Amino acid sequence: MGIYATLGIIGAYLLLSLVLLPVQYKYVKHLKEEDKKRQELGLSQGEYYDKMSFENQELHYNAQGNILFIGANLMATLLYKWKH
């Protein structure tokens, strides 16, 4: 019974990652555009995030740090790099 539960959890996580993939892809694409803007302004990443509003900082933190999004973030980043 334990192996089936483990496989079920892994399968559910992979399914969730696939469902979240389009959303995370858009997020990664937006991050790359923001990075280009940051470089044009000549700011370091820390300075750029310090100038963001609190709401945007929290959105970035949740999208990057949430354990549910790790699989989707990884797949979206790989897909973005493959496409570009």
Protein backbone atom coordinates (compact mmCIF):
# COMPACT_ATOMS: atom_id res chain seq x y z
CA MET A 1 0.00 0.00 0.00
CA GLY A 2 2.88 2.38 0.73
CA ILE A 3 4.35 2.20 -2.78
CA TYR A 4 0.96 2.97 -4.35
CA ALA A 5 0.48 5.98 -2.11
CA THR A 6 3.96 7.26 -2.99
CA LEU A 7 3.36 6.76 -6.71
CA GLY A 8 -0.02 8.47 -6.38
CA ILE A 9 1.53 11.49 -4.68
CA ILE A 10 4.29 11.73 -7.29
CA GLY A 11 1.74 11.36 -10.09
CA ALA A 12 -0.49 14.06 -8.58
CA TYR A 13 2.51 16.39 -8.23
CA LEU A 14 3.52 15.85 -11.86
CA LEU A 15 -0.06 16.46 -12.99
CA LEU A 16 -0.22 19.64 -10.93
CA SER A 17 3.09 20.76 -12.43
CA LEU A 18 1.77 20.18 -15.94
CA VAL A 19 -1.40 22.12 -15.16
CA LEU A 20 0.65 25.02 -13.74
CA LEU A 21 3.17 24.96 -16.59
CA PRO A 22 1.42 27.59 -18.81
CA VAL A 23 1.08 30.00 -15.90
CA GLN A 24 4.68 29.54 -14.82
CA TYR A 25 5.89 29.86 -18.42
CA LYS A 26 4.25 33.28 -18.64
CA TYR A 27 5.87 34.17 -15.31
CA VAL A 28 9.34 33.11 -16.51
CA LYS A 29 8.84 35.04 -19.75
CA HIS A 30 7.87 38.12 -17.75
CA LEU A 31 10.92 37.70 -15.50
CA LYS A 32 13.22 37.64 -18.52
CA GLU A 33 11.60 40.85 -19.84
CA GLU A 34 11.98 42.47 -16.42
CA ASP A 35 15.63 41.42 -16.33
CA LYS A 36 16.23 43.18 -19.65
CA LYS A 37 14.62 46.34 -18.24
CA ARG A 38 16.76 46.06 -15.11
CA GLN A 39 19.93 45.79 -17.17
CA GLU A 40 18.92 48.80 -19.28
CA LEU A 41 18.50 50.83 -16.09
CA GLY A 42 21.90 49.67 -14.86
CA LEU A 43 20.55 48.37 -11.54
CA SER A 44 21.66 45.30 -9.68
CA GLN A 45 19.04 42.66 -9.01
CA GLY A 46 18.91 43.58 -5.33
CA GLU A 47 18.41 47.26 -6.07
CA TYR A 48 15.71 46.44 -8.60
CA TYR A 49 13.77 44.29 -6.14
CA ASP A 50 14.17 46.93 -3.42
CA LYS A 51 12.46 49.45 -5.70
CA MET A 52 9.52 47.10 -6.33
CA SER A 53 6.30 47.55 -4.44
CA PHE A 54 5.70 45.25 -1.49
CA GLU A 55 2.91 43.47 -3.39
CA ASN A 56 5.19 42.64 -6.32
CA GLN A 57 7.92 41.42 -3.99
CA GLU A 58 5.44 39.07 -2.30
CA LEU A 59 4.17 37.78 -5.64
CA HIS A 60 7.72 37.01 -6.76
CA TYR A 61 8.53 35.35 -3.45
CA ASN A 62 5.44 33.13 -3.61
CA ALA A 63 5.90 32.22 -7.26
CA GLN A 64 9.57 31.34 -6.78
CA GLY A 65 9.61 29.88 -3.29
CA ASN A 66 6.44 27.83 -3.07
CA ILE A 67 7.23 24.11 -3.06
CA LEU A 68 4.19 23.39 -5.24
CA PHE A 69 5.65 25.51 -8.03
CA ILE A 70 9.16 24.02 -8.13
CA GLY A 71 8.34 21.38 -10.74
CA ALA A 72 6.38 23.80 -12.91
CA ASN A 73 9.11 26.46 -12.55
CA LEU A 74 11.78 24.00 -13.60
CA MET A 75 9.79 22.79 -16.60
CA ALA A 76 8.84 26.35 -17.61
CA THR A 77 12.46 27.53 -17.38
CA LEU A 78 13.66 24.60 -19.47
CA LEU A 79 10.90 25.19 -22.02
CA TYR A 80 11.75 28.91 -22.21
CA LYS A 81 15.44 28.21 -22.71
CA TRP A 82 14.64 25.61 -25.36
CA LYS A 83 12.35 28.03 -27.25
CA HIS A 84 14.72 30.99 -27.01
